[in-house]
Protein backbone atom coordinates (compact mmCIF):
# COMPACT_ATOMS: atom_id res chain seq x y z
CA MET A 1 -5.36 11.61 3.35
CA GLY A 2 -7.38 8.83 5.02
CA ALA A 3 -10.18 6.77 3.82
CA PRO A 4 -13.55 8.34 3.23
CA ARG A 5 -15.48 7.87 6.47
CA ILE A 6 -18.98 6.33 6.23
CA GLN A 7 -20.49 6.71 9.67
CA ILE A 8 -23.82 4.97 9.80
CA ARG A 9 -25.74 5.08 13.02
CA ARG A 10 -28.47 2.49 14.20
CA GLN A 11 -31.50 4.50 15.38
CA PRO A 12 -31.78 4.35 19.27
CA GLY A 13 -33.94 1.50 20.36
CA THR A 14 -33.85 -0.03 16.80
CA PRO A 15 -32.88 -3.67 17.01
CA PRO A 16 -30.67 -5.19 14.27
CA PRO A 17 -32.27 -7.01 11.40
CA PRO A 18 -33.03 -10.61 12.19
CA ALA A 19 -30.14 -12.93 11.95
CA ARG A 20 -29.92 -14.96 8.73
CA ARG A 21 -27.74 -17.88 8.04
CA CYS A 22 -24.43 -16.52 6.65
CA ASP A 23 -23.40 -17.79 3.26
CA PRO A 24 -19.62 -18.51 3.17
CA ARG A 25 -19.53 -17.91 -0.49
CA LEU A 26 -20.94 -14.33 -0.31
CA GLY A 27 -19.07 -11.09 0.44
CA VAL A 28 -20.10 -7.40 0.69
CA TYR A 29 -17.82 -4.67 -0.47
CA ALA A 30 -19.36 -1.30 0.53
CA GLY A 31 -18.37 2.40 0.06
CA SER A 32 -19.72 5.64 -1.02
CA PHE A 33 -18.02 5.27 -4.49
CA ASP A 34 -18.29 8.99 -5.05
CA PRO A 35 -17.04 8.29 -7.74
CA ILE A 36 -15.89 4.65 -8.09
CA THR A 37 -11.99 4.69 -8.94
CA THR A 38 -9.54 2.38 -10.47
CA GLY A 39 -8.50 1.58 -6.89
CA HIS A 40 -11.97 0.52 -5.94
CA MET A 41 -12.13 -1.66 -9.10
CA SER A 42 -8.97 -3.51 -8.13
CA ILE A 43 -10.66 -4.49 -4.87
CA VAL A 44 -13.87 -5.48 -6.64
CA ARG A 45 -11.94 -7.78 -9.01
CA GLU A 46 -10.05 -9.43 -6.17
CA GLY A 47 -13.22 -9.85 -4.10
CA ALA A 48 -14.96 -11.37 -7.05
CA ARG A 49 -12.06 -13.83 -7.45
CA LEU A 50 -12.42 -14.74 -3.83
CA PHE A 51 -16.11 -15.12 -3.49
CA LYS A 52 -18.79 -17.02 -5.42
CA LYS A 53 -20.80 -13.82 -5.25
CA LEU A 54 -19.67 -10.23 -4.36
CA ILE A 55 -22.27 -7.51 -3.51
CA VAL A 56 -20.86 -4.09 -4.22
CA ALA A 57 -23.01 -1.96 -2.07
CA ILE A 58 -23.28 1.81 -2.42
CA GLY A 59 -23.66 3.25 1.03
CA THR A 60 -25.55 6.60 1.64
CA ASN A 61 -25.35 8.48 4.95
CA SER A 62 -27.95 11.24 5.05
CA GLU A 63 -25.46 13.36 7.20
CA LYS A 64 -22.82 13.44 4.32
CA ARG A 65 -22.82 15.41 1.16
CA TYR A 66 -21.97 13.75 -2.06
CA THR A 67 -20.79 15.02 -5.50
CA PHE A 68 -22.83 12.33 -7.26
CA SER A 69 -26.47 11.40 -6.49
CA PRO A 70 -27.12 7.76 -5.18
CA GLU A 71 -28.71 7.00 -8.65
CA GLU A 72 -25.55 8.32 -10.48
CA ARG A 73 -23.30 6.36 -8.10
CA VAL A 74 -25.24 3.10 -8.67
CA ASP A 75 -25.17 3.57 -12.46
CA MET A 76 -21.41 4.32 -12.35
CA VAL A 77 -20.75 1.24 -10.35
CA ARG A 78 -22.97 -0.93 -12.48
CA ALA A 79 -21.26 0.30 -15.71
CA CYS A 80 -17.87 -0.65 -14.18
CA CYS A 81 -18.97 -3.99 -12.79
CA SER A 82 -21.19 -5.21 -15.78
CA LYS A 83 -18.57 -7.60 -17.13
CA ILE A 84 -17.86 -9.36 -13.83
CA LYS A 85 -20.51 -11.97 -13.76
CA ASN A 86 -20.45 -12.71 -10.06
CA VAL A 87 -20.83 -9.10 -8.92
CA GLU A 88 -24.21 -7.65 -7.81
CA VAL A 89 -24.60 -3.89 -7.37
CA ALA A 90 -26.88 -2.76 -4.62
CA GLN A 91 -27.55 0.18 -2.40
CA PHE A 92 -28.22 0.81 1.30
CA SER A 93 -28.56 3.87 3.49
CA ASP A 94 -28.47 5.07 7.13
CA ARG A 95 -27.59 1.75 8.60
CA PHE A 96 -24.56 -0.14 9.86
CA LEU A 97 -22.79 -2.12 7.18
CA VAL A 98 -22.67 -5.28 9.34
CA ASP A 99 -26.49 -5.06 9.63
CA TYR A 100 -26.82 -4.86 5.80
CA ALA A 101 -24.35 -7.75 5.41
CA ARG A 102 -26.33 -9.82 7.87
CA GLN A 103 -29.66 -9.00 6.12
CA ARG A 104 -28.06 -10.15 2.83
CA GLY A 105 -26.85 -13.29 4.40
CA ALA A 106 -23.17 -12.54 3.83
CA ALA A 107 -20.49 -14.19 5.91
CA TYR A 108 -17.83 -11.60 4.79
CA ILE A 109 -17.33 -7.79 4.63
CA VAL A 110 -14.68 -6.74 2.23
CA ARG A 111 -12.60 -3.69 2.96
CA GLY A 112 -9.75 -2.05 0.98
CA ILE A 113 -6.63 -0.97 3.00
CA ARG A 114 -4.29 1.57 1.27
CA ASN A 115 -2.20 2.94 4.09
CA PRO A 116 -1.53 2.83 7.92
CA GLU A 117 -4.51 5.30 8.54
CA ASP A 118 -6.87 3.05 6.60
CA TYR A 119 -5.67 0.05 8.59
CA GLU A 120 -6.15 1.78 11.98
CA TYR A 121 -9.73 2.86 11.16
CA GLU A 122 -10.71 -0.43 9.54
CA ARG A 123 -9.22 -2.47 12.39
CA ALA A 124 -11.43 -0.51 14.81
CA MET A 125 -14.63 -0.91 12.67
CA ARG A 126 -13.76 -4.76 12.29
CA ASN A 127 -13.78 -4.98 16.12
CA ILE A 128 -17.06 -3.10 16.43
CA ASN A 129 -18.53 -5.21 13.74
CA ALA A 130 -17.39 -8.46 15.38
CA ASP A 131 -19.06 -7.24 18.64
CA LEU A 132 -22.29 -6.64 16.62
CA ALA A 133 -22.14 -9.84 14.50
CA PRO A 134 -19.53 -12.29 15.51
CA ASP A 135 -20.49 -14.56 12.62
CA ILE A 136 -19.53 -12.00 9.93
CA VAL A 137 -15.79 -11.81 9.13
CA THR A 138 -14.06 -8.65 7.84
CA VAL A 139 -11.44 -9.39 5.00
CA PHE A 140 -8.86 -6.77 4.24
CA ILE A 141 -7.57 -6.43 0.59
CA MET A 142 -4.71 -4.22 -0.24
CA PRO A 143 -4.72 -2.82 -3.84
CA PRO A 144 -1.82 -3.21 -6.11
CA ARG A 145 0.97 -0.55 -5.74
CA ASP A 146 -0.26 1.48 -8.61
CA HIS A 147 -3.63 1.93 -7.10
CA ALA A 148 -2.65 2.26 -3.48
CA GLU A 149 -2.97 6.11 -3.22
CA ILE A 150 -6.16 6.47 -5.11
CA SER A 151 -9.38 7.60 -3.39
CA SER A 152 -12.51 9.34 -4.65
CA SER A 153 -11.42 12.47 -2.70
CA PHE A 154 -7.99 12.39 -4.26
CA VAL A 155 -9.46 12.16 -7.74
CA LYS A 156 -11.99 15.07 -7.15
CA GLY A 157 -8.98 17.11 -5.66
CA LEU A 158 -7.38 16.95 -9.14
CA VAL A 159 -10.28 18.58 -10.90
CA GLY A 160 -9.71 22.20 -11.96
CA PRO A 161 -6.29 23.06 -13.22
CA ASN A 162 -5.50 22.99 -17.04
CA GLY A 163 -5.23 19.47 -18.16
CA TRP A 164 -7.15 17.82 -15.28
CA GLN A 165 -9.12 15.65 -17.62
CA ARG A 166 -5.92 14.03 -18.88
CA THR A 167 -4.54 13.66 -15.27
CA VAL A 168 -7.64 11.93 -13.83
CA LYS A 169 -8.01 9.49 -16.75
CA LYS A 170 -5.69 6.89 -15.21
CA PHE A 171 -7.67 6.96 -11.88
CA ILE A 172 -11.27 6.71 -13.28
CA PRO A 173 -12.45 3.51 -14.84
CA ARG A 174 -12.87 3.93 -18.64
CA GLU A 175 -16.49 2.88 -18.51
CA ILE A 176 -17.41 6.09 -16.61
CA TYR A 177 -14.60 8.41 -17.70
CA GLY A 178 -16.84 10.42 -20.13
CA SER A 179 -19.70 10.81 -17.62
CA PHE A 180 -17.30 11.82 -14.89
CA ILE A 181 -15.74 14.50 -17.02
CA GLU A 182 -19.11 15.83 -18.12
CA HIS A 183 -20.47 15.92 -14.49
CA MET A 184 -17.38 17.64 -13.16
CA ARG A 185 -17.50 20.44 -15.82
CA LYS A 186 -20.86 21.57 -14.54
């Protein structure tokens, strides 16, 4: 089970956003967060510790199907990050993450690495991003062991059998557990 793939394409002939001076105290951690998990939150907490400001950006790709709407995902991430003072929750769609980071003035992109498959994918993306924006650095953060296998797809895959609500409880942040259960029962 690899990382969820967010493939965002720049429209042919569309130039990247204008370069902005990168703030070395600003990082962007992006994902689909469909839903946000305790694994994502371990990366958010570590990123918030490393940077003066961390933007948690919910990415949307019009070619991908999601379980939760963009608004629901933003609300869930905001609920989970509300007590972390230096975290801003934002949203972007149909563009390269590196272009979004440049537009926001971030010097760093934060990526979580759970396993060798994640590493290979993220290493390739880091190299592409470095070609597109050499002034933006990708930082890899590994979650603690107890969160290393958690992904949104993994959590959604647990839904269904008797007792699933109890099983997913340790993988979904408590701030959104009730709304996650309610949504998945529909």
